[in-house]
Protein backbone atom coordinates (compact mmCIF):
# COMPACT_ATOMS: atom_id res chain seq x y z
CA MET A 1 -29.09 -46.05 -0.17
CA LYS A 2 -27.67 -49.57 -0.12
CA LEU A 3 -24.10 -49.83 -1.40
CA SER A 4 -22.12 -52.76 -2.78
CA PRO A 5 -20.64 -54.77 0.10
CA ALA A 6 -17.01 -54.13 0.90
CA SER A 7 -16.68 -57.82 1.59
CA LEU A 8 -16.06 -58.24 -2.14
CA LEU A 9 -12.47 -57.46 -1.25
CA LEU A 10 -12.08 -60.24 1.31
CA GLY A 11 -9.71 -63.09 0.72
CA ALA A 12 -7.29 -65.35 2.50
CA ALA A 13 -4.59 -63.06 3.86
CA SER A 14 -2.32 -62.54 6.79
CA VAL A 15 -3.07 -59.93 9.42
CA ALA A 16 -1.56 -56.48 8.93
CA GLN A 17 1.15 -55.28 11.28
CA ALA A 18 -0.91 -52.90 13.42
CA LEU A 19 1.92 -50.66 14.59
CA SER A 20 0.97 -48.05 17.14
CA GLY A 21 1.61 -44.38 16.55
CA ALA A 22 4.69 -44.61 18.78
CA GLU A 23 5.99 -47.56 16.75
CA TRP A 24 5.43 -45.71 13.47
CA GLN A 25 7.52 -42.87 14.89
CA LYS A 26 10.49 -45.26 14.82
CA GLN A 27 10.08 -45.91 11.09
CA SER A 28 11.40 -44.10 8.02
CA ILE A 29 9.37 -44.15 4.81
CA TYR A 30 10.33 -44.26 1.14
CA GLN A 31 7.56 -42.92 -1.11
CA ILE A 32 7.16 -44.38 -4.57
CA LEU A 33 4.87 -43.76 -7.51
CA THR A 34 4.21 -47.37 -8.47
CA ASP A 35 4.07 -46.60 -12.19
CA ARG A 36 7.44 -44.85 -12.09
CA PHE A 37 9.63 -46.96 -9.75
CA ALA A 38 10.44 -50.26 -11.47
CA ARG A 39 9.19 -52.29 -14.41
CA THR A 40 8.62 -56.03 -14.31
CA ASP A 41 11.13 -56.49 -17.14
CA GLY A 42 13.83 -54.68 -15.15
CA SER A 43 14.53 -52.16 -17.91
CA THR A 44 16.57 -49.08 -17.02
CA THR A 45 16.36 -47.58 -20.50
CA GLU A 46 12.64 -47.68 -21.30
CA GLN A 47 11.41 -44.18 -22.07
CA CYS A 48 8.60 -42.67 -20.01
CA ALA A 49 6.11 -40.18 -21.45
CA ILE A 50 5.52 -38.08 -18.35
CA THR A 51 1.70 -38.00 -18.58
CA SER A 52 1.16 -41.65 -19.56
CA TYR A 53 1.45 -45.04 -17.92
CA CYS A 54 5.12 -46.06 -18.04
CA GLY A 55 4.98 -49.65 -16.84
CA GLY A 56 6.01 -49.68 -13.19
CA THR A 57 4.56 -52.65 -11.29
CA TYR A 58 4.40 -54.37 -7.91
CA LYS A 59 6.62 -57.13 -9.30
CA GLY A 60 9.18 -54.54 -10.37
CA LEU A 61 9.09 -53.03 -6.89
CA ILE A 62 9.63 -56.42 -5.23
CA ASN A 63 12.72 -56.92 -7.38
CA HIS A 64 14.26 -53.65 -6.16
CA LEU A 65 13.54 -53.71 -2.44
CA ASP A 66 17.29 -54.04 -1.79
CA TYR A 67 17.68 -50.54 -3.25
CA ILE A 68 15.22 -49.12 -0.72
CA GLN A 69 16.39 -51.11 2.28
CA GLY A 70 19.98 -50.24 1.44
CA MET A 71 19.18 -46.61 2.30
CA GLY A 72 17.91 -47.65 5.72
CA PHE A 73 14.19 -47.23 5.06
CA THR A 74 11.83 -49.46 6.99
CA ALA A 75 8.54 -48.76 5.19
CA VAL A 76 7.37 -48.19 1.62
CA TRP A 77 4.48 -45.88 0.70
CA ILE A 78 2.90 -46.85 -2.63
CA SER A 79 0.41 -45.05 -4.89
CA PRO A 80 -3.36 -45.56 -4.53
CA ILE A 81 -4.15 -49.12 -5.59
CA VAL A 82 -7.78 -48.98 -6.77
CA LYS A 83 -9.10 -48.93 -10.32
CA ASN A 84 -8.89 -45.48 -11.88
CA LEU A 85 -10.53 -43.90 -14.90
CA GLU A 86 -9.29 -45.46 -18.10
CA GLY A 87 -7.99 -43.88 -21.27
CA ASP A 88 -6.36 -40.54 -21.90
CA THR A 89 -7.49 -37.13 -20.65
CA PRO A 90 -6.27 -33.58 -21.33
CA HIS A 91 -4.00 -34.14 -18.29
CA GLY A 92 -2.83 -37.60 -19.36
CA THR A 93 -3.68 -40.99 -17.91
CA ALA A 94 -4.41 -41.89 -14.29
CA TYR A 95 -0.97 -43.45 -13.77
CA HIS A 96 -0.74 -41.69 -10.37
CA GLY A 97 -3.85 -43.36 -8.93
CA TYR A 98 -5.84 -40.39 -7.59
CA TRP A 99 -8.80 -40.61 -10.03
CA ALA A 100 -10.70 -43.61 -8.66
CA GLN A 101 -13.67 -45.07 -10.51
CA ASP A 102 -14.10 -48.40 -8.69
CA ILE A 103 -12.85 -48.76 -5.12
CA TYR A 104 -13.63 -52.51 -5.13
CA SER A 105 -11.20 -53.30 -7.97
CA LEU A 106 -7.45 -52.91 -8.34
CA ASN A 107 -5.62 -50.83 -10.91
CA GLU A 108 -4.50 -53.67 -13.18
CA ASN A 109 -1.70 -51.55 -14.67
CA PHE A 110 0.26 -52.13 -11.46
CA GLY A 111 -0.38 -55.87 -11.22
CA THR A 112 -2.78 -58.45 -9.87
CA GLU A 113 -4.21 -59.01 -6.41
CA GLN A 114 -1.62 -61.73 -5.89
CA ASP A 115 1.18 -59.36 -6.92
CA LEU A 116 0.10 -56.89 -4.23
CA ILE A 117 -0.18 -59.66 -1.65
CA ASP A 118 3.30 -60.79 -2.67
CA LEU A 119 4.65 -57.24 -2.25
CA SER A 120 3.24 -57.03 1.26
CA ALA A 121 4.73 -60.42 2.12
CA ALA A 122 8.12 -59.50 0.66
CA LEU A 123 8.26 -56.35 2.78
CA HIS A 124 7.23 -58.18 5.94
CA ALA A 125 9.84 -60.88 5.31
CA ARG A 126 12.45 -58.11 5.48
CA GLY A 127 10.99 -56.60 8.66
CA MET A 128 9.60 -53.71 6.62
CA TYR A 129 6.11 -52.26 6.37
CA LEU A 130 3.59 -51.38 3.65
CA MET A 131 1.89 -47.98 3.54
CA VAL A 132 -0.86 -47.44 0.95
CA ASP A 133 -2.15 -44.10 -0.32
CA ILE A 134 -5.90 -43.75 0.32
CA VAL A 135 -8.41 -41.33 -1.24
CA THR A 136 -11.87 -40.82 0.30
CA ASN A 137 -12.69 -37.25 -0.72
CA HIS A 138 -13.48 -37.73 -4.39
CA MET A 139 -13.78 -40.01 -7.39
CA GLY A 140 -12.49 -39.27 -10.90
CA TYR A 141 -14.19 -38.52 -14.21
CA ASN A 142 -12.83 -37.56 -17.63
CA GLY A 143 -14.91 -34.51 -18.36
CA CYS A 144 -16.46 -31.31 -17.07
CA GLY A 145 -18.01 -30.83 -13.65
CA ASP A 146 -21.62 -30.64 -14.80
CA CYS A 147 -21.55 -33.54 -17.26
CA VAL A 148 -20.48 -36.54 -15.17
CA ASP A 149 -21.76 -40.02 -16.02
CA TYR A 150 -22.08 -41.20 -12.43
CA SER A 151 -22.91 -44.75 -13.48
CA LEU A 152 -19.17 -45.25 -14.12
CA LEU A 153 -18.30 -44.58 -10.47
CA LYS A 154 -18.54 -47.55 -8.12
CA PRO A 155 -20.03 -47.99 -5.63
CA PHE A 156 -21.12 -44.34 -5.55
CA ASP A 157 -22.98 -44.49 -8.85
CA ASN A 158 -25.44 -41.61 -8.82
CA SER A 159 -25.38 -37.87 -8.18
CA GLY A 160 -27.02 -38.26 -4.77
CA TYR A 161 -23.71 -39.40 -3.33
CA TYR A 162 -21.99 -36.15 -4.29
CA HIS A 163 -22.04 -32.47 -3.45
CA PRO A 164 -23.30 -30.28 -6.30
CA PHE A 165 -20.53 -29.06 -8.56
CA CYS A 166 -18.76 -25.87 -7.45
CA GLU A 167 -15.23 -24.54 -7.72
CA ILE A 168 -13.24 -24.36 -4.49
CA ASN A 169 -12.67 -21.07 -2.72
CA TYR A 170 -9.62 -21.95 -0.62
CA ASP A 171 -10.31 -19.05 1.75
CA ASP A 172 -13.59 -20.67 2.81
CA ASP A 173 -13.38 -23.90 4.86
CA ASN A 174 -16.88 -24.98 3.90
CA SER A 175 -16.04 -24.56 0.22
CA VAL A 176 -12.89 -26.63 0.70
CA ARG A 177 -15.00 -29.45 2.20
CA THR A 178 -17.90 -29.41 -0.27
CA CYS A 179 -16.62 -28.15 -3.62
CA TRP A 180 -14.75 -30.14 -6.24
CA GLU A 181 -11.05 -30.54 -6.82
CA GLY A 182 -9.97 -30.88 -10.43
CA ASP A 183 -10.96 -28.62 -13.30
CA ASN A 184 -13.26 -28.51 -16.34
CA GLN A 185 -11.15 -31.16 -18.09
CA VAL A 186 -10.84 -33.81 -15.36
CA SER A 187 -13.52 -33.60 -12.70
CA LEU A 188 -13.13 -35.01 -9.21
CA PRO A 189 -16.72 -35.37 -7.97
CA ASP A 190 -16.78 -34.51 -4.26
CA LEU A 191 -18.34 -37.22 -2.10
CA LYS A 192 -20.83 -36.40 0.65
CA THR A 193 -18.58 -37.88 3.30
CA GLU A 194 -20.87 -36.45 5.97
CA ASP A 195 -23.46 -39.04 4.90
CA SER A 196 -23.67 -42.04 7.27
CA ASN A 197 -24.04 -44.56 4.42
CA ILE A 198 -20.92 -43.29 2.70
CA ARG A 199 -19.04 -43.36 5.99
CA SER A 200 -20.07 -46.93 6.76
CA THR A 201 -19.12 -48.02 3.24
CA PHE A 202 -15.67 -46.52 3.54
CA SER A 203 -15.23 -48.04 7.01
CA GLU A 204 -16.09 -51.52 5.75
CA TRP A 205 -13.96 -51.02 2.64
CA ILE A 206 -10.80 -49.95 4.47
CA GLN A 207 -11.16 -52.68 7.07
CA ASP A 208 -11.35 -55.32 4.36
CA LEU A 209 -8.59 -53.74 2.25
CA VAL A 210 -6.20 -53.76 5.21
CA ALA A 211 -7.02 -57.40 5.97
CA LYS A 212 -6.67 -58.66 2.42
CA TYR A 213 -3.37 -57.00 1.60
CA SER A 214 -1.83 -56.90 5.10
CA ILE A 215 -1.46 -53.11 4.96
CA ASP A 216 0.43 -51.58 7.88
CA GLY A 217 -0.19 -47.86 7.42
CA MET A 218 -1.98 -45.28 5.29
CA ARG A 219 -1.07 -42.00 3.74
CA ILE A 220 -4.42 -40.24 3.32
CA ASP A 221 -5.03 -37.77 0.50
CA SER A 222 -6.97 -34.46 0.70
CA VAL A 223 -7.69 -34.72 4.42
CA LYS A 224 -8.81 -31.15 4.97
CA HIS A 225 -11.30 -31.51 2.10
CA VAL A 226 -13.27 -33.90 4.34
CA GLU A 227 -15.03 -32.91 7.56
CA LYS A 228 -12.90 -33.55 10.64
CA ASP A 229 -15.31 -35.86 12.41
CA PHE A 230 -15.10 -38.34 9.51
CA TRP A 231 -11.57 -39.35 10.43
CA PRO A 232 -11.73 -40.94 13.91
CA GLY A 233 -14.27 -43.56 12.78
CA PHE A 234 -12.41 -44.26 9.56
CA LEU A 235 -9.09 -44.71 11.37
CA GLU A 236 -10.69 -46.93 14.00
CA ALA A 237 -12.19 -49.12 11.27
CA ALA A 238 -8.82 -49.37 9.51
CA GLY A 239 -7.01 -50.30 12.69
CA ILE A 240 -3.72 -48.90 11.34
CA TYR A 241 -1.83 -45.64 11.55
CA GLY A 242 -2.64 -42.86 9.10
CA ILE A 243 -0.61 -39.86 7.98
CA GLY A 244 -2.93 -37.30 6.45
CA GLU A 245 -2.34 -34.59 3.88
CA VAL A 246 -3.38 -31.22 5.31
CA LEU A 247 -1.82 -28.98 2.71
CA ASP A 248 -1.37 -25.85 4.78
CA GLY A 249 1.76 -24.09 5.98
CA ASN A 250 0.12 -22.51 9.02
CA PRO A 251 1.47 -24.25 12.16
CA ALA A 252 -1.41 -22.94 14.26
CA ILE A 253 -3.91 -25.40 12.77
CA TYR A 254 -1.98 -28.62 13.39
CA GLY A 255 -2.73 -29.04 17.09
CA ASP A 256 -6.45 -28.96 16.38
CA TRP A 257 -6.16 -31.39 13.47
CA GLN A 258 -4.26 -33.83 15.67
CA GLN A 259 -7.36 -34.23 17.82
CA TYR A 260 -8.84 -36.10 14.85
CA MET A 261 -5.75 -37.64 13.23
CA GLN A 262 -2.44 -37.92 15.04
CA GLY A 263 -0.33 -38.35 11.94
CA LEU A 264 -0.14 -35.47 9.46
CA MET A 265 2.27 -34.38 6.76
CA ASN A 266 4.43 -31.59 8.18
CA TYR A 267 3.78 -28.94 5.55
CA PRO A 268 4.95 -26.01 7.71
CA LEU A 269 8.43 -27.56 7.99
CA PHE A 270 8.39 -28.38 4.27
CA TYR A 271 7.98 -24.71 3.40
CA TRP A 272 10.56 -23.52 5.95
CA VAL A 273 13.19 -26.03 4.82
CA GLN A 274 12.69 -25.29 1.12
CA GLU A 275 12.83 -21.54 1.74
CA THR A 276 15.93 -21.72 3.94
CA PHE A 277 18.11 -24.29 2.21
CA SER A 278 17.37 -23.46 -1.42
CA ASN A 279 18.63 -19.89 -1.08
CA PRO A 280 22.04 -18.87 0.37
CA SER A 281 20.64 -15.39 0.89
CA ALA A 282 17.97 -16.62 3.31
CA THR A 283 18.57 -16.63 7.05
CA MET A 284 17.80 -19.39 9.54
CA ASP A 285 15.31 -17.22 11.42
CA ASN A 286 12.06 -18.49 9.90
CA LEU A 287 13.19 -22.10 10.22
CA VAL A 288 14.29 -21.90 13.85
CA ASN A 289 11.37 -19.74 14.97
CA GLY A 290 8.93 -21.90 13.02
CA ILE A 291 10.17 -25.12 14.60
CA ASN A 292 9.84 -23.64 18.07
CA THR A 293 6.34 -22.39 17.29
CA LEU A 294 5.19 -25.73 15.90
CA LYS A 295 6.61 -27.63 18.88
CA GLY A 296 4.42 -25.53 21.13
CA GLN A 297 1.26 -26.29 19.16
CA ALA A 298 1.52 -29.88 17.88
CA ASP A 299 2.98 -33.28 18.62
CA THR A 300 5.81 -32.97 16.11
CA ALA A 301 7.02 -36.55 16.70
CA ALA A 302 3.83 -37.82 15.01
CA LEU A 303 4.23 -35.79 11.82
CA GLY A 304 5.56 -37.01 8.46
CA VAL A 305 8.64 -34.96 7.55
CA PHE A 306 9.55 -34.38 3.89
CA ILE A 307 10.92 -31.89 1.37
CA GLU A 308 9.68 -33.52 -1.83
CA ASN A 309 6.60 -35.41 -2.99
CA HIS A 310 4.61 -36.13 -6.14
CA ASP A 311 2.69 -32.82 -5.92
CA GLN A 312 5.50 -30.35 -5.18
CA LYS A 313 8.47 -29.13 -7.18
CA ARG A 314 11.62 -31.08 -6.48
CA PHE A 315 14.23 -29.35 -4.33
CA ALA A 316 16.79 -29.63 -7.15
CA SER A 317 14.47 -27.65 -9.42
CA LEU A 318 14.93 -24.72 -7.03
CA THR A 319 18.71 -25.05 -6.88
CA GLY A 320 21.16 -27.47 -8.43
CA ASP A 321 23.66 -26.94 -5.61
CA MET A 322 24.56 -30.36 -4.21
CA SER A 323 25.69 -29.02 -0.83
CA LEU A 324 22.34 -27.33 -0.29
CA ALA A 325 20.57 -30.58 -1.20
CA LYS A 326 22.71 -32.49 1.30
CA ASN A 327 21.89 -30.05 4.08
CA ALA A 328 18.16 -30.08 3.32
CA ILE A 329 18.01 -33.90 3.24
CA ALA A 330 20.10 -34.46 6.37
CA PHE A 331 18.16 -31.81 8.28
CA THR A 332 14.85 -33.41 7.31
CA LEU A 333 15.87 -36.98 8.17
CA LEU A 334 17.03 -35.90 11.63
CA SER A 335 14.05 -33.65 12.38
CA ASP A 336 11.21 -34.54 14.72
CA GLY A 337 8.74 -36.93 13.18
CA ILE A 338 8.67 -39.74 10.64
CA PRO A 339 11.08 -39.04 7.76
CA ILE A 340 9.72 -39.55 4.24
CA LEU A 341 11.89 -39.52 1.12
CA TYR A 342 10.29 -39.35 -2.33
CA GLN A 343 11.76 -41.60 -5.01
CA GLY A 344 14.39 -39.86 -7.11
CA GLN A 345 15.35 -37.40 -4.40
CA GLU A 346 18.36 -39.59 -3.62
CA GLN A 347 19.37 -39.29 -7.29
CA HIS A 348 19.03 -35.47 -7.33
CA PHE A 349 16.13 -35.53 -9.79
CA SER A 350 15.11 -31.99 -10.66
CA GLY A 351 11.55 -32.04 -12.03
CA GLY A 352 9.48 -28.89 -11.56
CA ASP A 353 5.72 -28.41 -11.53
CA THR A 354 3.30 -31.33 -11.92
CA PRO A 355 3.76 -33.71 -13.69
CA ASN A 356 7.48 -33.10 -14.20
CA GLN A 357 8.44 -34.21 -10.69
CA ARG A 358 7.11 -37.70 -11.48
CA GLU A 359 10.09 -39.00 -13.42
CA ALA A 360 10.78 -42.72 -13.89
CA LEU A 361 13.37 -43.76 -11.33
CA TRP A 362 14.76 -46.57 -13.49
CA THR A 363 16.56 -44.03 -15.69
CA SER A 364 19.00 -43.58 -12.77
CA GLY A 365 20.05 -47.21 -13.05
CA TYR A 366 19.29 -47.47 -9.31
CA ASN A 367 22.71 -45.99 -8.62
CA THR A 368 23.67 -46.89 -5.06
CA GLU A 369 26.96 -44.97 -5.33
CA SER A 370 25.42 -41.55 -5.92
CA GLU A 371 26.30 -38.86 -3.36
CA LEU A 372 22.78 -38.44 -2.07
CA TYR A 373 22.03 -42.18 -1.91
CA GLN A 374 25.10 -42.62 0.27
CA LEU A 375 24.19 -39.61 2.41
CA VAL A 376 20.65 -40.88 3.00
CA ALA A 377 21.95 -44.33 3.91
CA THR A 378 24.36 -42.91 6.48
CA VAL A 379 21.90 -40.49 8.08
CA ASN A 380 19.22 -43.18 8.31
CA GLN A 381 21.83 -45.43 9.92
CA VAL A 382 22.45 -42.72 12.53
CA ARG A 383 18.74 -42.39 13.21
CA ASN A 384 18.06 -46.12 13.32
CA HIS A 385 20.99 -46.83 15.66
CA THR A 386 19.98 -44.05 18.02
CA LEU A 387 16.39 -45.25 18.16
CA ALA A 388 17.50 -48.84 18.81
CA ALA A 389 19.82 -47.74 21.61
CA ARG A 390 17.15 -45.62 23.28
CA ASN A 391 14.63 -48.45 23.10
CA ALA A 392 17.10 -50.91 24.63
CA GLU A 393 17.89 -48.57 27.51
CA SER A 394 14.47 -47.34 28.54
CA GLY A 395 11.79 -48.37 26.13
CA TYR A 396 10.53 -45.94 23.52
CA VAL A 397 11.05 -42.28 24.34
CA LYS A 398 10.10 -39.58 21.88
CA TYR A 399 13.19 -38.83 19.85
CA GLN A 400 13.03 -35.07 19.51
CA ALA A 401 15.42 -32.45 18.22
CA TRP A 402 15.87 -28.88 19.33
CA SER A 403 18.13 -26.02 18.31
CA VAL A 404 21.27 -25.60 20.42
CA TYR A 405 22.87 -22.93 18.21
CA SER A 406 21.88 -20.76 15.29
CA ASP A 407 23.13 -17.79 13.35
CA SER A 408 22.23 -16.28 9.99
CA HIS A 409 23.46 -19.22 7.92
CA SER A 410 23.77 -22.24 10.20
CA VAL A 411 21.80 -24.12 12.81
CA ALA A 412 22.85 -26.89 15.19
CA MET A 413 20.18 -29.37 16.24
CA ARG A 414 20.66 -31.80 19.13
CA LYS A 415 18.83 -35.11 19.12
CA GLY A 416 19.90 -37.59 21.80
CA ASP A 417 23.62 -38.29 21.36
CA VAL A 418 23.59 -36.67 17.92
CA ILE A 419 24.26 -33.07 16.97
CA GLY A 420 23.65 -32.03 13.38
CA VAL A 421 25.04 -28.77 12.06
CA PHE A 422 23.40 -27.54 8.87
CA SER A 423 24.06 -24.51 6.71
CA ASN A 424 22.77 -22.81 3.59
CA LEU A 425 26.16 -21.46 2.54
CA GLY A 426 26.07 -23.48 -0.65
CA SER A 427 29.03 -24.99 -2.50
CA GLY A 428 30.62 -21.60 -3.08
CA GLY A 429 30.21 -20.34 0.47
CA SER A 430 33.05 -19.63 2.87
CA GLY A 431 33.20 -21.84 5.95
CA TYR A 432 33.60 -20.63 9.51
CA GLN A 433 33.75 -22.02 13.03
CA ILE A 434 30.99 -22.00 15.61
CA THR A 435 31.05 -22.83 19.32
CA ILE A 436 28.29 -24.90 20.90
CA SER A 437 28.41 -24.47 24.66
CA GLY A 438 28.75 -27.42 27.00
CA GLY A 439 25.34 -26.87 28.48
CA ASN A 440 23.80 -27.49 25.05
CA THR A 441 25.75 -30.47 23.69
CA GLY A 442 24.91 -33.07 26.33
CA TYR A 443 28.52 -34.27 26.11
CA ALA A 444 30.87 -34.70 29.07
CA GLY A 445 34.06 -32.68 29.40
CA GLY A 446 36.82 -34.20 27.27
CA GLU A 447 34.43 -36.63 25.53
CA GLU A 448 35.30 -37.81 22.02
CA VAL A 449 32.78 -37.09 19.29
CA VAL A 450 32.88 -38.46 15.73
CA GLN A 451 31.87 -36.68 12.53
CA VAL A 452 30.04 -39.56 10.79
CA LEU A 453 29.40 -37.88 7.42
CA GLY A 454 31.92 -37.38 4.66
CA GLY A 455 33.83 -40.64 5.03
CA ASP A 456 36.75 -39.30 7.10
CA CYS A 457 35.20 -40.02 10.52
CA ASN A 458 37.17 -37.21 12.11
CA VAL A 459 37.23 -37.23 15.91
CA VAL A 460 36.82 -34.00 17.87
CA THR A 461 37.14 -33.66 21.62
CA ALA A 462 34.77 -31.66 23.75
CA ASP A 463 36.29 -29.04 26.01
CA GLY A 464 36.32 -29.32 29.77
CA ALA A 465 32.69 -28.21 29.98
CA GLY A 466 31.49 -30.45 27.13
CA GLY A 467 31.47 -27.66 24.57
CA LEU A 468 32.46 -28.10 20.93
CA ASN A 469 34.12 -25.99 18.30
CA VAL A 470 32.65 -27.07 14.96
CA ASP A 471 33.78 -26.10 11.48
CA VAL A 472 30.76 -25.11 9.43
CA GLY A 473 31.28 -25.68 5.75
CA PRO A 474 29.15 -26.15 2.68
CA ASP A 475 28.20 -29.74 3.62
CA PRO A 476 26.26 -30.86 6.71
CA VAL A 477 28.04 -32.09 9.83
CA VAL A 478 26.62 -34.92 11.96
CA LEU A 479 28.40 -35.55 15.25
CA TYR A 480 27.88 -38.71 17.30
CA LYS A 481 29.21 -39.49 20.77
CA ALA A 482 32.01 -42.00 20.11
CA SER A 483 31.11 -44.25 23.03
CA ALA A 484 27.58 -44.64 21.66
CA LEU A 485 28.70 -45.71 18.17
CA GLU A 486 29.60 -49.27 19.05
CA GLY A 487 27.53 -51.76 17.05
CA SER A 488 26.21 -49.06 14.71
CA GLY A 489 28.31 -49.98 11.69
CA LEU A 490 29.14 -46.28 11.39
CA CYS A 491 32.80 -45.40 10.93
CA GLY A 492 33.72 -49.08 11.18
CA ARG A 493 32.38 -49.43 14.73
């Protein structure tokens, strides 16, 4: 079967920033839903019907890059960019971008080709990077599984390109790969990605897409719904780093998946963090044991770390406690891997099940003084300064964290010169003091250490063996070796 040439996407464009996996591990990513981040007209009062297009654009995003960069993020992940099914469905419009009907055209609701090129250029001018969401598993159709008009789907325009309709049995790996996502209202016809013609088409398409829009990285949707041996060729053709969605909380599978795709979304940690920090009655056991288990089975530095996204309930829908949110965010940003923050998390948005977690960010007024915005900015500053210092001293070394203390309600994680102490006591919890032994801190006897969160910049002094007594309270504690703070901008240094 001869498909439409991917060269239709070619145009005059600059070359993408082909960061290696190690270089992506230095980045931090801000995830946006293009339709819900910023409007071209700059409105902060326009209402947004949650299942309909709301008017967010690439131009609007360009106009608010200061908001993102001000939190210390170095990359922006945007929604899928290709043309989606048009009109309304029982689940609303395709404002999210995951119901593709023509991979060779852009979704005009977000802007023009030039607007997307301009976005890429604006990011690169700031030393930032563009990550685009990619879907290869399925197309989208407004209707039932057995009544698809395949002629609307381009370039895969007949039933021969698709597996026969069947509902997924998630306990059967073959069913996951060959049956259809969606439901009897919006079908997502499942492509035969094992077919060599489909593979070559996608390889040509992604190569050209990256070149035209100077894309630096990919977040890849529904990865485990596609056979594993599809991915190495696709990633090689793209020539850029990919972080794939393997929606599974079992840490045992991640080492095997990383043989095919180094970057994956860290769903095991997502579940452990939500479970631990949303509930003051939970203990730290599952989190600490889970981290140690995952470290033994996967390259955790290559994983995307998150606690919210466009498919999962927001953390604040599980608990409105601000102290718990602070602990969950700070823990995630300082964990192993590439931190990813979903738009609105820094404003404590509280949407629940899909689509309610897809609120329009502009209703926040892009408040840079909010508690969580300021927390994210400071913790990213800690991470960025530490990475820069390590690179200057010895080139890139994996920046990993490990537990140096834990009890039922707190855990201390050491990462280079930084020790973070996190609790799930909640705002009403009673604080207490812990002791981290000198052999675990990495600090010298008598060394000064600064608490960089909270604004007070309190200095504590390690004991003669380098140990620390740390007050655990409702909010997280991040300690930084004072001598290493110079030039960081933290605490006026």
